N, C-alpha and C. Protein backbone atom coordinates (compact mmCIF):
# COMPACT_ATOMS: atom_id res chain seq x y z
N MET A 1 -50.87 16.18 -43.91
CA MET A 1 -49.72 16.98 -44.22
C MET A 1 -49.23 16.59 -45.62
N SER A 2 -48.87 17.54 -46.37
CA SER A 2 -48.44 17.25 -47.74
C SER A 2 -46.99 16.80 -47.76
N THR A 3 -46.58 16.27 -48.89
CA THR A 3 -45.22 15.78 -49.06
C THR A 3 -44.22 16.92 -48.99
N ARG A 4 -44.62 18.06 -49.47
CA ARG A 4 -43.72 19.20 -49.47
C ARG A 4 -43.36 19.60 -48.05
N TRP A 5 -44.30 19.62 -47.14
CA TRP A 5 -44.04 20.04 -45.76
C TRP A 5 -43.17 19.00 -45.04
N ARG A 6 -43.36 17.72 -45.34
CA ARG A 6 -42.53 16.69 -44.71
C ARG A 6 -41.07 16.84 -45.11
N THR A 7 -40.80 17.14 -46.36
CA THR A 7 -39.43 17.32 -46.84
C THR A 7 -38.78 18.52 -46.14
N VAL A 8 -39.51 19.61 -46.03
CA VAL A 8 -38.99 20.81 -45.36
C VAL A 8 -38.74 20.51 -43.88
N ASP A 9 -39.63 19.75 -43.26
CA ASP A 9 -39.48 19.42 -41.85
C ASP A 9 -38.24 18.56 -41.63
N ARG A 10 -37.97 17.60 -42.50
CA ARG A 10 -36.77 16.76 -42.38
C ARG A 10 -35.51 17.60 -42.53
N LEU A 11 -35.49 18.49 -43.50
CA LEU A 11 -34.32 19.35 -43.71
C LEU A 11 -34.08 20.26 -42.52
N SER A 12 -35.12 20.82 -41.96
CA SER A 12 -34.93 21.72 -40.82
C SER A 12 -34.47 20.97 -39.59
N SER A 13 -34.88 19.71 -39.41
CA SER A 13 -34.41 18.95 -38.26
C SER A 13 -32.93 18.61 -38.41
N ARG A 14 -32.45 18.40 -39.63
CA ARG A 14 -31.02 18.15 -39.84
C ARG A 14 -30.20 19.39 -39.53
N VAL A 15 -30.70 20.52 -39.90
CA VAL A 15 -29.99 21.77 -39.65
C VAL A 15 -29.94 22.05 -38.16
N ARG A 16 -31.00 21.78 -37.45
CA ARG A 16 -31.05 22.05 -36.02
C ARG A 16 -30.09 21.16 -35.22
N ARG A 17 -29.85 19.95 -35.66
CA ARG A 17 -28.98 19.03 -34.93
C ARG A 17 -27.53 19.48 -34.90
N GLY A 18 -27.06 20.16 -35.84
CA GLY A 18 -25.69 20.63 -35.86
C GLY A 18 -24.77 19.60 -36.47
N PRO A 19 -23.46 19.87 -36.43
CA PRO A 19 -22.50 18.95 -37.05
C PRO A 19 -22.37 17.66 -36.25
N VAL A 20 -22.01 16.62 -36.91
CA VAL A 20 -21.84 15.31 -36.28
C VAL A 20 -20.47 15.28 -35.60
N ASP A 21 -20.43 14.82 -34.32
CA ASP A 21 -19.18 14.76 -33.54
C ASP A 21 -18.54 13.39 -33.67
N SER A 22 -18.14 13.02 -34.83
CA SER A 22 -17.54 11.71 -35.00
C SER A 22 -16.09 11.74 -34.54
N GLY A 23 -15.69 10.72 -33.79
CA GLY A 23 -14.31 10.61 -33.32
C GLY A 23 -14.07 11.18 -31.95
N VAL A 24 -15.04 11.87 -31.37
CA VAL A 24 -14.84 12.49 -30.06
C VAL A 24 -14.74 11.43 -28.97
N VAL A 25 -15.54 10.40 -29.06
CA VAL A 25 -15.53 9.35 -28.04
C VAL A 25 -14.19 8.62 -28.02
N SER A 26 -13.65 8.30 -29.18
CA SER A 26 -12.37 7.61 -29.20
C SER A 26 -11.25 8.50 -28.68
N LEU A 27 -11.32 9.79 -28.93
CA LEU A 27 -10.33 10.71 -28.40
C LEU A 27 -10.42 10.80 -26.87
N GLU A 28 -11.64 10.82 -26.36
CA GLU A 28 -11.83 10.83 -24.90
C GLU A 28 -11.26 9.56 -24.28
N MET A 29 -11.45 8.43 -24.94
CA MET A 29 -10.93 7.17 -24.42
C MET A 29 -9.41 7.15 -24.42
N VAL A 30 -8.79 7.72 -25.44
CA VAL A 30 -7.33 7.76 -25.51
C VAL A 30 -6.77 8.58 -24.36
N VAL A 31 -7.49 9.58 -23.92
CA VAL A 31 -7.03 10.43 -22.82
C VAL A 31 -7.42 9.85 -21.47
N LEU A 32 -8.64 9.38 -21.33
CA LEU A 32 -9.15 8.97 -20.03
C LEU A 32 -8.68 7.59 -19.57
N VAL A 33 -8.57 6.63 -20.45
CA VAL A 33 -8.19 5.28 -20.03
C VAL A 33 -6.80 5.24 -19.40
N PRO A 34 -5.77 5.86 -19.99
CA PRO A 34 -4.47 5.85 -19.31
C PRO A 34 -4.51 6.58 -17.97
N ALA A 35 -5.25 7.66 -17.89
CA ALA A 35 -5.36 8.38 -16.62
C ALA A 35 -6.03 7.52 -15.56
N LEU A 36 -7.07 6.80 -15.93
CA LEU A 36 -7.74 5.91 -14.98
C LEU A 36 -6.84 4.75 -14.57
N MET A 37 -6.06 4.23 -15.50
CA MET A 37 -5.14 3.14 -15.18
C MET A 37 -4.06 3.61 -14.20
N VAL A 38 -3.53 4.81 -14.42
CA VAL A 38 -2.52 5.36 -13.50
C VAL A 38 -3.12 5.53 -12.11
N MET A 39 -4.33 6.06 -12.03
CA MET A 39 -4.98 6.24 -10.72
C MET A 39 -5.22 4.90 -10.04
N MET A 40 -5.60 3.90 -10.81
CA MET A 40 -5.86 2.58 -10.25
C MET A 40 -4.56 1.96 -9.70
N PHE A 41 -3.46 2.05 -10.47
CA PHE A 41 -2.19 1.50 -10.01
C PHE A 41 -1.65 2.27 -8.81
N LEU A 42 -1.83 3.58 -8.77
CA LEU A 42 -1.39 4.35 -7.60
C LEU A 42 -2.17 3.96 -6.36
N GLY A 43 -3.45 3.74 -6.51
CA GLY A 43 -4.26 3.28 -5.37
C GLY A 43 -3.83 1.92 -4.88
N MET A 44 -3.53 1.02 -5.83
CA MET A 44 -3.06 -0.32 -5.46
C MET A 44 -1.71 -0.23 -4.75
N GLN A 45 -0.81 0.61 -5.27
CA GLN A 45 0.51 0.76 -4.67
C GLN A 45 0.40 1.34 -3.26
N ALA A 46 -0.48 2.30 -3.06
CA ALA A 46 -0.68 2.89 -1.74
C ALA A 46 -1.19 1.84 -0.75
N ALA A 47 -2.08 0.98 -1.19
CA ALA A 47 -2.60 -0.08 -0.31
C ALA A 47 -1.49 -1.08 0.04
N LEU A 48 -0.64 -1.42 -0.91
CA LEU A 48 0.45 -2.35 -0.63
C LEU A 48 1.47 -1.75 0.33
N VAL A 49 1.78 -0.47 0.18
CA VAL A 49 2.72 0.18 1.09
C VAL A 49 2.12 0.28 2.49
N TYR A 50 0.83 0.59 2.58
CA TYR A 50 0.16 0.65 3.89
C TYR A 50 0.21 -0.71 4.57
N HIS A 51 -0.06 -1.76 3.82
CA HIS A 51 -0.03 -3.11 4.39
C HIS A 51 1.38 -3.47 4.86
N ALA A 52 2.38 -3.14 4.07
CA ALA A 52 3.77 -3.44 4.45
C ALA A 52 4.16 -2.68 5.71
N ARG A 53 3.76 -1.42 5.81
CA ARG A 53 4.07 -0.64 7.02
C ARG A 53 3.37 -1.25 8.24
N THR A 54 2.14 -1.71 8.06
CA THR A 54 1.41 -2.32 9.17
C THR A 54 2.08 -3.61 9.62
N VAL A 55 2.52 -4.43 8.69
CA VAL A 55 3.21 -5.67 9.04
C VAL A 55 4.53 -5.37 9.73
N ALA A 56 5.26 -4.36 9.23
CA ALA A 56 6.56 -4.01 9.82
C ALA A 56 6.41 -3.52 11.25
N ILE A 57 5.44 -2.65 11.52
CA ILE A 57 5.26 -2.14 12.89
C ILE A 57 4.76 -3.25 13.81
N ALA A 58 3.91 -4.13 13.31
CA ALA A 58 3.45 -5.24 14.14
C ALA A 58 4.58 -6.21 14.45
N ALA A 59 5.46 -6.46 13.48
CA ALA A 59 6.61 -7.34 13.71
C ALA A 59 7.57 -6.70 14.72
N ALA A 60 7.77 -5.39 14.61
CA ALA A 60 8.64 -4.70 15.57
C ALA A 60 8.05 -4.75 16.98
N GLU A 61 6.74 -4.56 17.10
CA GLU A 61 6.10 -4.64 18.42
C GLU A 61 6.19 -6.05 19.00
N GLU A 62 5.99 -7.04 18.15
CA GLU A 62 6.09 -8.45 18.61
C GLU A 62 7.50 -8.76 19.07
N GLY A 63 8.50 -8.31 18.32
CA GLY A 63 9.89 -8.53 18.70
C GLY A 63 10.26 -7.79 19.97
N ALA A 64 9.77 -6.56 20.13
CA ALA A 64 10.04 -5.79 21.35
C ALA A 64 9.40 -6.45 22.57
N ARG A 65 8.18 -6.95 22.39
CA ARG A 65 7.52 -7.66 23.50
C ARG A 65 8.29 -8.90 23.90
N ALA A 66 8.77 -9.65 22.91
CA ALA A 66 9.52 -10.88 23.21
C ALA A 66 10.86 -10.55 23.84
N ALA A 67 11.54 -9.52 23.36
CA ALA A 67 12.86 -9.16 23.90
C ALA A 67 12.74 -8.54 25.29
N ALA A 68 11.59 -7.94 25.59
CA ALA A 68 11.42 -7.28 26.89
C ALA A 68 10.98 -8.23 27.99
N SER A 69 10.61 -9.47 27.67
CA SER A 69 10.19 -10.38 28.72
C SER A 69 11.35 -10.73 29.64
N GLN A 70 10.99 -11.07 30.84
CA GLN A 70 12.01 -11.42 31.83
C GLN A 70 12.81 -12.62 31.37
N GLY A 71 14.11 -12.51 31.41
CA GLY A 71 15.00 -13.60 31.03
C GLY A 71 15.18 -13.77 29.54
N ALA A 72 14.60 -12.89 28.73
CA ALA A 72 14.74 -13.01 27.28
C ALA A 72 16.01 -12.32 26.81
N SER A 73 16.36 -12.55 25.56
CA SER A 73 17.56 -11.93 24.99
C SER A 73 17.20 -11.26 23.66
N THR A 74 18.19 -10.65 23.06
CA THR A 74 17.96 -10.03 21.76
C THR A 74 17.64 -11.07 20.69
N ALA A 75 18.18 -12.27 20.85
CA ALA A 75 17.89 -13.34 19.89
C ALA A 75 16.42 -13.73 19.94
N ASP A 76 15.82 -13.71 21.15
CA ASP A 76 14.38 -14.01 21.27
C ASP A 76 13.55 -12.95 20.55
N GLY A 77 13.93 -11.69 20.70
CA GLY A 77 13.21 -10.61 20.03
C GLY A 77 13.34 -10.71 18.51
N ARG A 78 14.53 -11.00 18.04
CA ARG A 78 14.76 -11.14 16.60
C ARG A 78 13.95 -12.31 16.04
N ALA A 79 13.96 -13.43 16.75
CA ALA A 79 13.21 -14.61 16.28
C ALA A 79 11.71 -14.32 16.21
N ALA A 80 11.19 -13.63 17.21
CA ALA A 80 9.76 -13.31 17.22
C ALA A 80 9.40 -12.36 16.07
N ALA A 81 10.25 -11.36 15.82
CA ALA A 81 9.98 -10.41 14.74
C ALA A 81 10.07 -11.08 13.37
N VAL A 82 11.07 -11.94 13.19
CA VAL A 82 11.22 -12.66 11.91
C VAL A 82 10.02 -13.57 11.68
N ALA A 83 9.59 -14.28 12.72
CA ALA A 83 8.46 -15.20 12.58
C ALA A 83 7.18 -14.44 12.23
N PHE A 84 6.96 -13.31 12.91
CA PHE A 84 5.74 -12.54 12.64
C PHE A 84 5.77 -11.96 11.22
N ALA A 85 6.89 -11.36 10.83
CA ALA A 85 7.00 -10.77 9.49
C ALA A 85 6.84 -11.84 8.41
N GLY A 86 7.37 -13.02 8.67
CA GLY A 86 7.23 -14.11 7.70
C GLY A 86 5.81 -14.61 7.58
N ASP A 87 5.09 -14.68 8.71
CA ASP A 87 3.72 -15.18 8.69
C ASP A 87 2.74 -14.14 8.14
N ALA A 88 2.84 -12.91 8.62
CA ALA A 88 1.84 -11.89 8.27
C ALA A 88 2.13 -11.23 6.93
N GLY A 89 3.38 -11.17 6.53
CA GLY A 89 3.72 -10.45 5.30
C GLY A 89 4.03 -11.34 4.13
N VAL A 90 3.44 -12.52 4.09
CA VAL A 90 3.76 -13.49 3.03
C VAL A 90 3.48 -12.87 1.67
N GLY A 91 4.53 -12.69 0.88
CA GLY A 91 4.38 -12.19 -0.47
C GLY A 91 4.22 -10.70 -0.60
N MET A 92 3.92 -9.99 0.49
CA MET A 92 3.69 -8.54 0.41
C MET A 92 4.81 -7.73 1.04
N PHE A 93 5.51 -8.31 2.00
CA PHE A 93 6.55 -7.59 2.72
C PHE A 93 7.71 -8.54 2.97
N THR A 94 8.91 -8.07 2.67
CA THR A 94 10.11 -8.87 2.91
C THR A 94 10.99 -8.11 3.89
N ALA A 95 11.17 -8.67 5.08
CA ALA A 95 12.03 -8.05 6.09
C ALA A 95 13.48 -8.29 5.71
N THR A 96 14.21 -7.21 5.45
CA THR A 96 15.61 -7.36 5.05
C THR A 96 16.56 -7.19 6.22
N ALA A 97 16.15 -6.46 7.26
CA ALA A 97 17.01 -6.28 8.43
C ALA A 97 16.14 -6.10 9.67
N ILE A 98 16.53 -6.78 10.73
CA ILE A 98 15.86 -6.63 12.02
C ILE A 98 16.94 -6.38 13.06
N ASP A 99 16.95 -5.18 13.60
CA ASP A 99 17.93 -4.80 14.62
C ASP A 99 17.25 -4.79 15.98
N VAL A 100 17.88 -5.46 16.94
CA VAL A 100 17.33 -5.55 18.30
C VAL A 100 18.37 -5.03 19.27
N GLU A 101 17.94 -4.12 20.13
CA GLU A 101 18.78 -3.61 21.22
C GLU A 101 18.05 -3.86 22.53
N ARG A 102 18.79 -4.28 23.53
CA ARG A 102 18.18 -4.52 24.84
C ARG A 102 19.12 -3.99 25.90
N THR A 103 18.63 -3.03 26.66
CA THR A 103 19.38 -2.52 27.80
C THR A 103 18.70 -3.04 29.06
N ALA A 104 19.13 -2.56 30.19
CA ALA A 104 18.53 -2.99 31.45
C ALA A 104 17.10 -2.47 31.60
N GLU A 105 16.76 -1.41 30.85
CA GLU A 105 15.44 -0.81 31.01
C GLU A 105 14.53 -0.91 29.78
N ILE A 106 15.11 -0.91 28.60
CA ILE A 106 14.28 -0.86 27.38
C ILE A 106 14.77 -1.86 26.35
N ALA A 107 13.81 -2.49 25.68
CA ALA A 107 14.09 -3.33 24.51
C ALA A 107 13.54 -2.61 23.29
N ARG A 108 14.37 -2.46 22.28
CA ARG A 108 13.98 -1.73 21.07
C ARG A 108 14.26 -2.60 19.85
N VAL A 109 13.26 -2.66 18.95
CA VAL A 109 13.39 -3.46 17.72
C VAL A 109 13.06 -2.57 16.53
N GLU A 110 13.93 -2.62 15.52
CA GLU A 110 13.68 -1.89 14.28
C GLU A 110 13.64 -2.88 13.13
N VAL A 111 12.54 -2.83 12.38
CA VAL A 111 12.33 -3.73 11.24
C VAL A 111 12.41 -2.90 9.96
N THR A 112 13.28 -3.30 9.07
CA THR A 112 13.44 -2.63 7.79
C THR A 112 13.23 -3.66 6.69
N GLY A 113 12.51 -3.28 5.67
CA GLY A 113 12.26 -4.21 4.58
C GLY A 113 11.71 -3.51 3.36
N THR A 114 11.25 -4.29 2.42
CA THR A 114 10.71 -3.74 1.18
C THR A 114 9.29 -4.24 0.96
N SER A 115 8.53 -3.40 0.30
CA SER A 115 7.16 -3.73 -0.04
C SER A 115 7.09 -4.19 -1.49
N VAL A 116 6.08 -4.93 -1.81
CA VAL A 116 5.86 -5.34 -3.19
C VAL A 116 5.49 -4.09 -3.99
N SER A 117 5.95 -4.00 -5.21
CA SER A 117 5.66 -2.85 -6.05
C SER A 117 4.98 -3.29 -7.33
N VAL A 118 3.94 -2.55 -7.73
CA VAL A 118 3.27 -2.84 -8.99
C VAL A 118 3.94 -2.08 -10.13
N VAL A 119 4.86 -1.18 -9.79
CA VAL A 119 5.61 -0.44 -10.80
C VAL A 119 6.97 -1.12 -10.94
N PRO A 120 7.30 -1.66 -12.08
CA PRO A 120 8.56 -2.38 -12.24
C PRO A 120 9.77 -1.48 -11.97
N GLY A 121 10.70 -2.01 -11.19
CA GLY A 121 11.93 -1.28 -10.90
C GLY A 121 11.83 -0.30 -9.74
N TRP A 122 10.65 -0.13 -9.18
CA TRP A 122 10.48 0.81 -8.06
C TRP A 122 10.38 0.02 -6.76
N THR A 123 11.33 0.21 -5.86
CA THR A 123 11.35 -0.50 -4.60
C THR A 123 10.97 0.48 -3.48
N VAL A 124 9.99 0.10 -2.69
CA VAL A 124 9.54 0.94 -1.59
C VAL A 124 10.17 0.42 -0.31
N LEU A 125 10.97 1.25 0.34
CA LEU A 125 11.65 0.86 1.58
C LEU A 125 10.77 1.22 2.77
N ILE A 126 10.60 0.26 3.67
CA ILE A 126 9.77 0.44 4.86
C ILE A 126 10.68 0.27 6.08
N ALA A 127 10.58 1.18 7.05
CA ALA A 127 11.34 1.07 8.30
C ALA A 127 10.43 1.47 9.45
N GLN A 128 10.25 0.56 10.40
CA GLN A 128 9.41 0.81 11.58
C GLN A 128 10.14 0.32 12.82
N SER A 129 9.88 0.97 13.94
CA SER A 129 10.53 0.53 15.18
C SER A 129 9.52 0.57 16.33
N ALA A 130 9.82 -0.22 17.34
CA ALA A 130 8.99 -0.27 18.55
C ALA A 130 9.89 -0.54 19.74
N SER A 131 9.46 -0.07 20.89
CA SER A 131 10.22 -0.34 22.12
C SER A 131 9.27 -0.70 23.24
N ALA A 132 9.80 -1.39 24.22
CA ALA A 132 9.02 -1.83 25.36
C ALA A 132 9.91 -1.84 26.59
N PRO A 133 9.33 -1.53 27.77
CA PRO A 133 10.15 -1.60 28.98
C PRO A 133 10.46 -3.05 29.33
N VAL A 134 11.69 -3.30 29.79
CA VAL A 134 12.12 -4.65 30.14
C VAL A 134 11.46 -5.05 31.46
N GLU A 135 10.90 -6.25 31.46
CA GLU A 135 10.27 -6.76 32.68
C GLU A 135 11.34 -7.17 33.68
N ARG A 136 11.12 -6.82 34.91
CA ARG A 136 12.04 -7.25 35.98
C ARG A 136 11.27 -7.32 37.28
N ILE A 137 11.71 -8.20 38.09
CA ILE A 137 11.09 -8.39 39.39
C ILE A 137 11.79 -7.51 40.39
N THR A 138 11.04 -6.73 41.10
CA THR A 138 11.63 -5.88 42.15
C THR A 138 11.06 -6.30 43.48
N THR A 139 11.84 -6.17 44.47
CA THR A 139 11.37 -6.49 45.82
C THR A 139 11.30 -5.19 46.60
N GLY A 140 10.34 -5.11 47.39
CA GLY A 140 10.32 -3.86 48.10
C GLY A 140 9.22 -3.75 49.00
């Protein structure tokens, strides 16, 4: 192949490639990285709220079970719920209020608290309740 044909071939390959897209990748990163970070933090926040709700309902069930036992009181239910929330929710869930009601037939416990938030200044309030029938001995 002669030198003339090689020069023409190089020029035609440059023309076929089209314009150079310089700067497109950095523009994509400016748009995509913040969007990915927001999605990542929302996923993390959803997992933390789910965990806090799970701890709150488990603490309420534990407190209701303790308050519903024969000879137990509302103080027993509150103590059981506080102990469970403190053990299972270390650092992720803070129980701010535990209300216990006990009638002759039903023991009911409501656990209210806050979840950890990855968004500064945003507090997620969690409230869960559970009830259990009061144990009693019947003769008959």
